[in-house]
C-alpha atoms as a PDB file:
ATOM      1  CA  MET A   1      93.635 -21.458-104.042  1.00  0.00           C
ATOM      2  CA  ASN A   2      93.080 -18.484-101.725  1.00  0.00           C
ATOM      3  CA  ARG A   3      95.845 -16.961 -99.688  1.00  0.00           C
ATOM      4  CA  ARG A   4      94.778 -18.403 -96.341  1.00  0.00           C
ATOM      5  CA  SER A   5      94.510 -21.915 -97.700  1.00  0.00           C
ATOM      6  CA  ALA A   6      97.911 -21.660 -99.358  1.00  0.00           C
ATOM      7  CA  LEU A   7      99.636 -20.560 -96.090  1.00  0.00           C
ATOM      8  CA  LYS A   8      97.895 -23.263 -94.142  1.00  0.00           C
ATOM      9  CA  ASN A   9      98.945 -25.970 -96.614  1.00  0.00           C
ATOM     10  CA  ILE A  10     102.583 -25.022 -96.390  1.00  0.00           C
ATOM     11  CA  GLY A  11     102.494 -24.666 -92.592  1.00  0.00           C
ATOM     12  CA  LEU A  12     102.779 -20.921 -92.440  1.00  0.00           C
ATOM     13  CA  GLY A  13      99.277 -20.004 -91.441  1.00  0.00           C
ATOM     14  CA  SER A  14     100.321 -18.470 -88.074  1.00  0.00           C
ATOM     15  CA  ILE A  15     103.154 -16.339 -89.540  1.00  0.00           C
ATOM     16  CA  LEU A  16     102.505 -12.620 -89.751  1.00  0.00           C
ATOM     17  CA  LEU A  17     103.674 -11.345 -93.147  1.00  0.00           C
ATOM     18  CA  SER A  18     105.558  -8.039 -92.896  1.00  0.00           C
ATOM     19  CA  PRO A  19     105.145  -5.413 -95.558  1.00  0.00           C
ATOM     20  CA  LEU A  20     107.913  -4.856 -98.064  1.00  0.00           C
ATOM     21  CA  PRO A  21     110.271  -1.926 -97.503  1.00  0.00           C
ATOM     22  CA  GLY A  22     108.688   1.269 -98.727  1.00  0.00           C
ATOM     23  CA  PHE A  23     105.206   0.044 -98.096  1.00  0.00           C
ATOM     24  CA  ALA A  24     103.091   1.102 -95.111  1.00  0.00           C
ATOM     25  CA  LYS A  25     100.897  -1.207 -93.069  1.00  0.00           C
ATOM     26  CA  THR A  26      97.549   0.628 -92.835  1.00  0.00           C
ATOM     27  CA  SER A  27      95.782   0.962 -89.455  1.00  0.00           C
ATOM     28  CA  SER A  28      93.224   3.346 -88.061  1.00  0.00           C
ATOM     29  CA  SER A  29      96.054   5.336 -86.505  1.00  0.00           C
ATOM     30  CA  SER A  30      98.204   5.383 -89.634  1.00  0.00           C
ATOM     31  CA  LEU A  31      96.251   6.639 -92.629  1.00  0.00           C
ATOM     32  CA  PRO A  32      97.736   8.202 -95.731  1.00  0.00           C
ATOM     33  CA  VAL A  33      97.790  11.962 -95.925  1.00  0.00           C
ATOM     34  CA  LEU A  34      97.516  12.029 -99.702  1.00  0.00           C
ATOM     35  CA  ARG A  35      96.513   9.749-102.576  1.00  0.00           C
ATOM     36  CA  ILE A  36      98.010  10.683-105.997  1.00  0.00           C
ATOM     37  CA  ALA A  37      97.824   9.218-109.459  1.00  0.00           C
ATOM     38  CA  HIS A  38     100.876   9.267-111.763  1.00  0.00           C
ATOM     39  CA  LEU A  39      99.738   9.423-115.395  1.00  0.00           C
ATOM     40  CA  THR A  40     102.478   9.606-118.009  1.00  0.00           C
ATOM     41  CA  ASP A  41     102.976   9.303-121.753  1.00  0.00           C
ATOM     42  CA  VAL A  42      99.405  10.046-122.750  1.00  0.00           C
ATOM     43  CA  HIS A  43     100.481  10.975-126.253  1.00  0.00           C
ATOM     44  CA  LEU A  44      97.034  12.449-127.029  1.00  0.00           C
ATOM     45  CA  LYS A  45      95.827  13.147-130.587  1.00  0.00           C
ATOM     46  CA  ASN A  46      92.513  12.763-132.387  1.00  0.00           C
ATOM     47  CA  ASP A  47      93.360   9.267-133.747  1.00  0.00           C
ATOM     48  CA  PHE A  48      93.475   5.638-132.597  1.00  0.00           C
ATOM     49  CA  ASP A  49      90.288   6.318-130.525  1.00  0.00           C
ATOM     50  CA  ALA A  50      92.757   8.020-128.095  1.00  0.00           C
ATOM     51  CA  PRO A  51      90.388  10.707-126.782  1.00  0.00           C
ATOM     52  CA  ALA A  52      87.799   8.137-125.615  1.00  0.00           C
ATOM     53  CA  LYS A  53      90.428   5.906-124.086  1.00  0.00           C
ATOM     54  CA  TYR A  54      92.020   8.833-122.269  1.00  0.00           C
ATOM     55  CA  ALA A  55      88.658   9.865-120.902  1.00  0.00           C
ATOM     56  CA  ARG A  56      88.147   6.308-119.701  1.00  0.00           C
ATOM     57  CA  CYS A  57      91.438   6.433-117.899  1.00  0.00           C
ATOM     58  CA  LEU A  58      90.530   9.769-116.233  1.00  0.00           C
ATOM     59  CA  HIS A  59      87.181   8.304-115.148  1.00  0.00           C
ATOM     60  CA  HIS A  60      88.940   5.256-113.722  1.00  0.00           C
ATOM     61  CA  VAL A  61      91.215   7.472-111.644  1.00  0.00           C
ATOM     62  CA  GLN A  62      88.278   9.484-110.342  1.00  0.00           C
ATOM     63  CA  GLN A  63      86.403   6.361-109.315  1.00  0.00           C
ATOM     64  CA  GLN A  64      89.160   5.197-106.931  1.00  0.00           C
ATOM     65  CA  SER A  65      88.314   4.850-103.309  1.00  0.00           C
ATOM     66  CA  PRO A  66      89.761   6.528-101.261  1.00  0.00           C
ATOM     67  CA  LYS A  67      89.689   9.339-103.748  1.00  0.00           C
ATOM     68  CA  VAL A  68      92.705  10.636-105.676  1.00  0.00           C
ATOM     69  CA  THR A  69      93.249  14.331-104.822  1.00  0.00           C
ATOM     70  CA  LEU A  70      96.164  15.083-107.160  1.00  0.00           C
ATOM     71  CA  ILE A  71      97.288  13.881-110.630  1.00  0.00           C
ATOM     72  CA  LEU A  72     100.949  14.062-111.552  1.00  0.00           C
ATOM     73  CA  ASN A  73     101.289  14.037-115.350  1.00  0.00           C
ATOM     74  CA  GLY A  74     104.759  12.839-116.177  1.00  0.00           C
ATOM     75  CA  GLY A  75     105.106  14.261-119.687  1.00  0.00           C
ATOM     76  CA  ASP A  76     104.555  13.422-123.323  1.00  0.00           C
ATOM     77  CA  ILE A  77     101.208  15.055-122.799  1.00  0.00           C
ATOM     78  CA  VAL A  78     100.447  15.411-126.519  1.00  0.00           C
ATOM     79  CA  PHE A  79     101.144  12.889-129.227  1.00  0.00           C
ATOM     80  CA  ASP A  80     104.179  14.559-130.708  1.00  0.00           C
ATOM     81  CA  MET A  81     105.448  18.127-131.301  1.00  0.00           C
ATOM     82  CA  ASN A  82     108.874  17.208-132.785  1.00  0.00           C
ATOM     83  CA  LYS A  83     109.264  18.727-136.234  1.00  0.00           C
ATOM     84  CA  GLU A  84     105.463  19.017-136.550  1.00  0.00           C
ATOM     85  CA  GLU A  85     103.564  21.931-138.234  1.00  0.00           C
ATOM     86  CA  LEU A  86     102.008  24.478-135.984  1.00  0.00           C
ATOM     87  CA  HIS A  87      98.427  23.695-136.966  1.00  0.00           C
ATOM     88  CA  SER A  88      98.904  20.038-135.922  1.00  0.00           C
ATOM     89  CA  ILE A  89     100.464  21.076-132.613  1.00  0.00           C
ATOM     90  CA  ASP A  90      97.582  23.508-131.954  1.00  0.00           C
ATOM     91  CA  GLU A  91      95.046  20.760-132.524  1.00  0.00           C
ATOM     92  CA  GLN A  92      96.690  18.384-130.110  1.00  0.00           C
ATOM     93  CA  TRP A  93      96.815  20.872-127.297  1.00  0.00           C
ATOM     94  CA  LYS A  94      93.335  22.108-127.929  1.00  0.00           C
ATOM     95  CA  LEU A  95      92.090  18.487-127.582  1.00  0.00           C
ATOM     96  CA  THR A  96      94.125  18.028-124.443  1.00  0.00           C
ATOM     97  CA  HIS A  97      92.631  21.106-122.686  1.00  0.00           C
ATOM     98  CA  GLN A  98      89.079  20.076-123.803  1.00  0.00           C
ATOM     99  CA  ILE A  99      89.236  16.550-122.434  1.00  0.00           C
ATOM    100  CA  LEU A 100      90.675  17.711-119.090  1.00  0.00           C
ATOM    101  CA  LYS A 101      87.927  20.392-118.815  1.00  0.00           C
ATOM    102  CA  ASP A 102      85.131  17.960-119.702  1.00  0.00           C
ATOM    103  CA  GLU A 103      86.321  14.699-118.038  1.00  0.00           C
ATOM    104  CA  CYS A 104      88.483  15.515-115.006  1.00  0.00           C
ATOM    105  CA  SER A 105      87.848  17.404-111.808  1.00  0.00           C
ATOM    106  CA  ILE A 106      91.201  16.616-110.111  1.00  0.00           C
ATOM    107  CA  PRO A 107      94.023  19.180-110.172  1.00  0.00           C
ATOM    108  CA  VAL A 108      97.009  18.244-112.360  1.00  0.00           C
ATOM    109  CA  GLN A 109     100.720  19.148-112.025  1.00  0.00           C
ATOM    110  CA  TYR A 110     102.736  18.718-115.272  1.00  0.00           C
ATOM    111  CA  CYS A 111     106.233  17.620-116.200  1.00  0.00           C
ATOM    112  CA  LEU A 112     107.494  18.235-119.826  1.00  0.00           C
ATOM    113  CA  GLY A 113     108.347  15.255-121.928  1.00  0.00           C
ATOM    114  CA  ASN A 114     110.490  15.060-125.025  1.00  0.00           C
ATOM    115  CA  HIS A 115     107.346  14.947-127.274  1.00  0.00           C
ATOM    116  CA  ASP A 116     106.071  18.212-125.644  1.00  0.00           C
ATOM    117  CA  ILE A 117     109.000  20.163-127.118  1.00  0.00           C
ATOM    118  CA  TRP A 118     109.025  21.753-130.545  1.00  0.00           C
ATOM    119  CA  TRP A 119     112.312  21.019-132.230  1.00  0.00           C
ATOM    120  CA  ASN A 120     112.287  22.034-135.816  1.00  0.00           C
ATOM    121  CA  GLU A 121     115.567  23.341-137.301  1.00  0.00           C
ATOM    122  CA  ASN A 122     113.582  25.433-139.816  1.00  0.00           C
ATOM    123  CA  ASN A 123     111.680  27.333-137.137  1.00  0.00           C
ATOM    124  CA  LYS A 124     114.280  28.201-134.571  1.00  0.00           C
ATOM    125  CA  GLY A 125     113.623  31.960-134.972  1.00  0.00           C
ATOM    126  CA  GLN A 126     110.029  31.599-133.662  1.00  0.00           C
ATOM    127  CA  THR A 127     109.413  32.710-130.102  1.00  0.00           C
ATOM    128  CA  ILE A 128     107.630  29.511-129.253  1.00  0.00           C
ATOM    129  CA  TYR A 129     110.510  27.308-130.442  1.00  0.00           C
ATOM    130  CA  GLY A 130     111.628  24.659-127.954  1.00  0.00           C
ATOM    131  CA  LYS A 131     109.811  24.446-124.632  1.00  0.00           C
ATOM    132  CA  LYS A 132     108.153  27.867-124.760  1.00  0.00           C
ATOM    133  CA  TYR A 133     104.999  26.636-126.554  1.00  0.00           C
ATOM    134  CA  ALA A 134     104.260  23.835-124.031  1.00  0.00           C
ATOM    135  CA  MET A 135     105.129  26.020-121.038  1.00  0.00           C
ATOM    136  CA  ASP A 136     102.638  28.638-122.280  1.00  0.00           C
ATOM    137  CA  GLN A 137      99.929  25.957-122.638  1.00  0.00           C
ATOM    138  CA  LEU A 138     100.606  24.721-119.129  1.00  0.00           C
ATOM    139  CA  GLN A 139     101.076  28.164-117.651  1.00  0.00           C
ATOM    140  CA  LEU A 140     104.492  27.351-116.343  1.00  0.00           C
ATOM    141  CA  SER A 141     107.048  30.074-115.773  1.00  0.00           C
ATOM    142  CA  ARG A 142     109.932  27.579-116.053  1.00  0.00           C
ATOM    143  CA  PRO A 143     110.118  23.939-116.791  1.00  0.00           C
ATOM    144  CA  TYR A 144     111.157  22.768-113.262  1.00  0.00           C
ATOM    145  CA  TYR A 145     109.562  23.732-110.006  1.00  0.00           C
ATOM    146  CA  SER A 146     108.527  22.526-106.503  1.00  0.00           C
ATOM    147  CA  PHE A 147     105.458  22.689-104.322  1.00  0.00           C
ATOM    148  CA  MET A 148     104.241  21.483-100.988  1.00  0.00           C
ATOM    149  CA  LYS A 149     101.085  19.422-100.368  1.00  0.00           C
ATOM    150  CA  SER A 150      99.908  17.564 -97.268  1.00  0.00           C
ATOM    151  CA  GLY A 151     103.339  17.718 -95.671  1.00  0.00           C
ATOM    152  CA  TRP A 152     105.210  16.327 -98.708  1.00  0.00           C
ATOM    153  CA  LYS A 153     107.465  18.300-100.952  1.00  0.00           C
ATOM    154  CA  PHE A 154     107.125  17.618-104.740  1.00  0.00           C
ATOM    155  CA  ILE A 155     109.937  18.469-107.019  1.00  0.00           C
ATOM    156  CA  VAL A 156     109.220  18.400-110.755  1.00  0.00           C
ATOM    157  CA  LEU A 157     112.329  18.191-112.943  1.00  0.00           C
ATOM    158  CA  ASP A 158     113.094  19.124-116.534  1.00  0.00           C
ATOM    159  CA  SER A 159     114.980  16.072-117.708  1.00  0.00           C
ATOM    160  CA  VAL A 160     114.872  16.733-121.549  1.00  0.00           C
ATOM    161  CA  HIS A 161     117.696  18.810-123.163  1.00  0.00           C
ATOM    162  CA  LEU A 162     119.179  19.103-126.588  1.00  0.00           C
ATOM    163  CA  ASP A 163     122.234  17.016-127.345  1.00  0.00           C
ATOM    164  CA  ILE A 164     125.451  18.664-128.562  1.00  0.00           C
ATOM    165  CA  ASP A 165     124.325  18.488-132.181  1.00  0.00           C
ATOM    166  CA  GLN A 166     121.169  20.506-131.336  1.00  0.00           C
ATOM    167  CA  THR A 167     118.863  18.198-133.250  1.00  0.00           C
ATOM    168  CA  TRP A 168     117.918  15.476-130.700  1.00  0.00           C
ATOM    169  CA  TYR A 169     117.735  15.150-126.960  1.00  0.00           C
ATOM    170  CA  ILE A 170     119.454  13.459-123.902  1.00  0.00           C
ATOM    171  CA  GLY A 171     118.323  13.100-120.340  1.00  0.00           C
ATOM    172  CA  LYS A 172     120.042  15.392-117.900  1.00  0.00           C
ATOM    173  CA  LEU A 173     119.493  18.398-115.615  1.00  0.00           C
ATOM    174  CA  GLY A 174     122.307  20.755-116.668  1.00  0.00           C
ATOM    175  CA  GLU A 175     124.368  22.838-114.210  1.00  0.00           C
ATOM    176  CA  GLU A 176     121.764  25.509-113.521  1.00  0.00           C
ATOM    177  CA  GLN A 177     118.943  23.054-112.749  1.00  0.00           C
ATOM    178  CA  PHE A 178     121.290  20.853-110.735  1.00  0.00           C
ATOM    179  CA  GLN A 179     122.275  23.765-108.521  1.00  0.00           C
ATOM    180  CA  TRP A 180     118.598  24.631-108.070  1.00  0.00           C
ATOM    181  CA  LEU A 181     117.836  21.041-107.130  1.00  0.00           C
ATOM    182  CA  GLU A 182     120.725  21.089-104.673  1.00  0.00           C
ATOM    183  CA  ASN A 183     119.455  24.276-103.062  1.00  0.00           C
ATOM    184  CA  GLU A 184     115.837  22.906-102.872  1.00  0.00           C
ATOM    185  CA  LEU A 185     117.004  19.830-100.989  1.00  0.00           C
ATOM    186  CA  GLN A 186     119.191  21.880 -98.645  1.00  0.00           C
ATOM    187  CA  GLN A 187     116.409  24.243 -97.880  1.00  0.00           C
ATOM    188  CA  THR A 188     113.874  21.530 -97.135  1.00  0.00           C
ATOM    189  CA  SER A 189     113.527  20.284 -93.545  1.00  0.00           C
ATOM    190  CA  SER A 190     114.982  16.801 -93.036  1.00  0.00           C
ATOM    191  CA  ASN A 191     111.543  15.791 -91.576  1.00  0.00           C
ATOM    192  CA  THR A 192     109.783  16.639 -94.834  1.00  0.00           C
ATOM    193  CA  PRO A 193     109.477  13.672 -97.220  1.00  0.00           C
ATOM    194  CA  ILE A 194     110.270  14.419-100.850  1.00  0.00           C
ATOM    195  CA  LEU A 195     108.784  12.974-104.073  1.00  0.00           C
ATOM    196  CA  ILE A 196     110.595  13.766-107.316  1.00  0.00           C
ATOM    197  CA  MET A 197     109.060  13.508-110.787  1.00  0.00           C
ATOM    198  CA  SER A 198     110.984  13.499-114.093  1.00  0.00           C
ATOM    199  CA  HIS A 199     109.977  12.423-117.572  1.00  0.00           C
ATOM    200  CA  ILE A 200     113.193  10.447-118.379  1.00  0.00           C
ATOM    201  CA  PRO A 201     114.048   7.974-115.720  1.00  0.00           C
ATOM    202  CA  ILE A 202     116.877   8.847-113.313  1.00  0.00           C
ATOM    203  CA  LEU A 203     117.413   5.124-112.765  1.00  0.00           C
ATOM    204  CA  THR A 204     115.661   2.212-114.425  1.00  0.00           C
ATOM    205  CA  ALA A 205     116.100  -1.491-115.197  1.00  0.00           C
ATOM    206  CA  THR A 206     113.817  -1.372-118.186  1.00  0.00           C
ATOM    207  CA  LEU A 207     116.660  -0.697-120.534  1.00  0.00           C
ATOM    208  CA  MET A 208     117.892  -4.277-119.867  1.00  0.00           C
ATOM    209  CA  ILE A 209     114.805  -5.735-121.557  1.00  0.00           C
ATOM    210  CA  GLU A 210     115.914  -6.171-125.172  1.00  0.00           C
ATOM    211  CA  ASP A 211     115.592  -9.024-127.582  1.00  0.00           C
ATOM    212  CA  HIS A 212     118.567 -10.853-129.117  1.00  0.00           C
ATOM    213  CA  ILE A 213     121.141  -9.645-126.544  1.00  0.00           C
ATOM    214  CA  VAL A 214     124.339 -11.678-126.846  1.00  0.00           C
ATOM    215  CA  ASN A 215     126.875 -10.063-124.549  1.00  0.00           C
ATOM    216  CA  LYS A 216     126.118  -6.324-124.129  1.00  0.00           C
ATOM    217  CA  TRP A 217     123.258  -3.844-123.668  1.00  0.00           C
ATOM    218  CA  GLU A 218     123.101  -0.473-125.380  1.00  0.00           C
ATOM    219  CA  MET A 219     121.836   2.407-123.239  1.00  0.00           C
ATOM    220  CA  LEU A 220     121.266   5.653-125.060  1.00  0.00           C
ATOM    221  CA  GLY A 221     121.418   9.103-123.482  1.00  0.00           C
ATOM    222  CA  GLY A 222     117.858   9.750-124.417  1.00  0.00           C
ATOM    223  CA  ASP A 223     116.585   6.677-122.497  1.00  0.00           C
ATOM    224  CA  MET A 224     117.924   7.374-119.021  1.00  0.00           C
ATOM    225  CA  HIS A 225     119.593  10.340-117.313  1.00  0.00           C
ATOM    226  CA  THR A 226     123.217  10.725-118.297  1.00  0.00           C
ATOM    227  CA  ASP A 227     123.949  12.391-114.936  1.00  0.00           C
ATOM    228  CA  THR A 228     122.491   9.521-112.862  1.00  0.00           C
ATOM    229  CA  ALA A 229     125.543   9.063-110.611  1.00  0.00           C
ATOM    230  CA  LYS A 230     125.695  12.764-109.783  1.00  0.00           C
ATOM    231  CA  ILE A 231     121.993  12.907-108.906  1.00  0.00           C
ATOM    232  CA  ILE A 232     122.051   9.718-106.880  1.00  0.00           C
ATOM    233  CA  SER A 233     125.086  11.095-104.922  1.00  0.00           C
ATOM    234  CA  LEU A 234     123.063  14.202-104.108  1.00  0.00           C
ATOM    235  CA  PHE A 235     120.092  12.165-102.967  1.00  0.00           C
ATOM    236  CA  HIS A 236     122.410  10.243-100.661  1.00  0.00           C
ATOM    237  CA  GLN A 237     123.013  13.398 -98.695  1.00  0.00           C
ATOM    238  CA  HIS A 238     119.282  13.864 -98.147  1.00  0.00           C
ATOM    239  CA  PRO A 239     117.570  10.746 -96.729  1.00  0.00           C
ATOM    240  CA  ASN A 240     114.206  12.418 -96.929  1.00  0.00           C
ATOM    241  CA  VAL A 241     114.148  11.864-100.671  1.00  0.00           C
ATOM    242  CA  LYS A 242     111.866   8.844-100.764  1.00  0.00           C
ATOM    243  CA  LEU A 243     110.407   8.326-104.196  1.00  0.00           C
ATOM    244  CA  CYS A 244     111.297   9.200-107.775  1.00  0.00           C
ATOM    245  CA  LEU A 245     108.589   8.840-110.485  1.00  0.00           C
ATOM    246  CA  SER A 246     109.196   8.754-114.174  1.00  0.00           C
ATOM    247  CA  GLY A 247     107.798   7.418-117.526  1.00  0.00           C
ATOM    248  CA  HIS A 248     109.228   7.743-121.056  1.00  0.00           C
ATOM    249  CA  ILE A 249     109.986   4.049-121.565  1.00  0.00           C
ATOM    250  CA  HIS A 250     106.303   2.941-121.554  1.00  0.00           C
ATOM    251  CA  LEU A 251     107.400  -0.016-119.353  1.00  0.00           C
ATOM    252  CA  ARG A 252     106.772  -0.513-115.614  1.00  0.00           C
ATOM    253  CA  ASP A 253     109.590  -1.207-113.174  1.00  0.00           C
ATOM    254  CA  LYS A 254     110.671  -0.423-109.677  1.00  0.00           C
ATOM    255  CA  VAL A 255     114.300  -0.101-108.534  1.00  0.00           C
ATOM    256  CA  THR A 256     115.350   0.664-104.915  1.00  0.00           C
ATOM    257  CA  TYR A 257     118.855   1.949-104.475  1.00  0.00           C
ATOM    258  CA  ASN A 258     120.252   3.456-101.292  1.00  0.00           C
ATOM    259  CA  GLU A 259     116.770   3.615 -99.716  1.00  0.00           C
ATOM    260  CA  VAL A 260     115.386   5.686-102.647  1.00  0.00           C
ATOM    261  CA  THR A 261     112.670   3.977-104.787  1.00  0.00           C
ATOM    262  CA  TYR A 262     112.721   4.727-108.484  1.00  0.00           C
ATOM    263  CA  ILE A 263     109.455   3.863-110.257  1.00  0.00           C
ATOM    264  CA  CYS A 264     109.110   4.044-114.037  1.00  0.00           C
ATOM    265  CA  ASN A 265     105.420   3.629-114.725  1.00  0.00           C
ATOM    266  CA  GLY A 266     103.862   2.354-117.927  1.00  0.00           C
ATOM    267  CA  ALA A 267     102.113   4.656-120.356  1.00  0.00           C
ATOM    268  CA  VAL A 268      98.482   5.732-120.387  1.00  0.00           C
ATOM    269  CA  SER A 269      98.815   5.150-124.117  1.00  0.00           C
ATOM    270  CA  GLY A 270     100.477   1.773-123.794  1.00  0.00           C
ATOM    271  CA  ALA A 271     102.218   1.265-127.108  1.00  0.00           C
ATOM    272  CA  TRP A 272     101.008   4.587-128.498  1.00  0.00           C
ATOM    273  CA  TRP A 273      97.381   3.526-128.342  1.00  0.00           C
ATOM    274  CA  LYS A 274      98.012   0.232-130.093  1.00  0.00           C
ATOM    275  CA  GLY A 275      97.852  -2.113-127.079  1.00  0.00           C
ATOM    276  CA  ASN A 276     100.491  -3.283-124.612  1.00  0.00           C
ATOM    277  CA  LYS A 277     104.139  -2.188-124.786  1.00  0.00           C
ATOM    278  CA  ARG A 278     105.719  -5.595-124.311  1.00  0.00           C
ATOM    279  CA  GLU A 279     104.336  -6.954-121.014  1.00  0.00           C
ATOM    280  CA  THR A 280     103.102  -3.591-119.733  1.00  0.00           C
ATOM    281  CA  ALA A 281      99.467  -2.752-120.312  1.00  0.00           C
ATOM    282  CA  PRO A 282      98.148   0.864-120.583  1.00  0.00           C
ATOM    283  CA  GLY A 283      97.770   2.171-117.082  1.00  0.00           C
ATOM    284  CA  TYR A 284      98.821   4.595-114.306  1.00  0.00           C
ATOM    285  CA  GLY A 285     100.459   4.626-110.908  1.00  0.00           C
ATOM    286  CA  LEU A 286      98.318   4.880-107.740  1.00  0.00           C
ATOM    287  CA  ILE A 287     100.268   6.098-104.659  1.00  0.00           C
ATOM    288  CA  ASP A 288      99.376   6.640-101.098  1.00  0.00           C
ATOM    289  CA  LEU A 289     101.670   8.917 -99.174  1.00  0.00           C
ATOM    290  CA  TYR A 290     102.062   8.860 -95.413  1.00  0.00           C
ATOM    291  CA  ALA A 291     103.218  11.670 -93.121  1.00  0.00           C
ATOM    292  CA  ASP A 292     106.375   9.858 -92.008  1.00  0.00           C
ATOM    293  CA  GLY A 293     107.636   9.333 -95.548  1.00  0.00           C
ATOM    294  CA  ARG A 294     106.280   5.873 -96.172  1.00  0.00           C
ATOM    295  CA  PHE A 295     104.217   5.027 -99.205  1.00  0.00           C
ATOM    296  CA  GLU A 296     102.210   2.327-100.775  1.00  0.00           C
ATOM    297  CA  GLU A 297     101.913   2.103-104.593  1.00  0.00           C
ATOM    298  CA  ARG A 298     100.645  -0.087-107.379  1.00  0.00           C
ATOM    299  CA  TYR A 299     100.264   0.032-111.163  1.00  0.00           C
ATOM    300  CA  VAL A 300      96.668   0.025-112.292  1.00  0.00           C
ATOM    301  CA  ASN A 301      95.497  -1.209-115.716  1.00  0.00           C
ATOM    302  CA  TYR A 302      92.414   0.891-116.441  1.00  0.00           C
END
């Protein structure tokens, strides 16, 4: 049954349906200023036919109409650097650079994920230990930064930090980065809409999706930001913060809280190149941004 017939049959054919909050109604006088694609959790390595599948995803992005003019890569760029040998890490990054060079003509801005960080207790003395290796590969002077494009400010956060035992990670900003974020928001005109990208979600409902729950949910510090309340309180002081993008969970959800929309997109790799992660198929986010801070978005299964 098509949409018009369905409305007619229930007596609503003459009602004009309004767009949902956060979505723009497109007209000739209200066109998006920028179309972006949010690709996250690629987990690239030369296995599972991952290179060919990643190339297929990049081709799919470039075939969109209107065209995508910017890709935001949300982290976990390579398959895994944690406790890996250097020769394996080198191969994963070499493959990443080669595929982007051969298969993609759209500029990419990167966010570091937990799998892009080299944590190996036996190699702490090496200069590339921690985030240094990935930052060098991506030509980043620091793991968090901002930039302007088409009237929007983009803020890329570093959400992955070592836990107190120094062997694993939790999601947070830390005091130095939080102060930097606070300054960035204060120094941005209230008329400039802001999009924020992190690897670990600032706020997500995906952690509620567990099997065999009886009377409680377990939410680990590595699955969602541990400073969520502090960040949300800061956003509340700056209504021009419109959209927060993340990945990490490999599941797709959208939570709107205090007029800020938090979208956790599914992974390009799905379940690490082995099909769907639960109900979320491999894909990417496609987002149209408007000059007044509105946006339209959808999740695309490539």
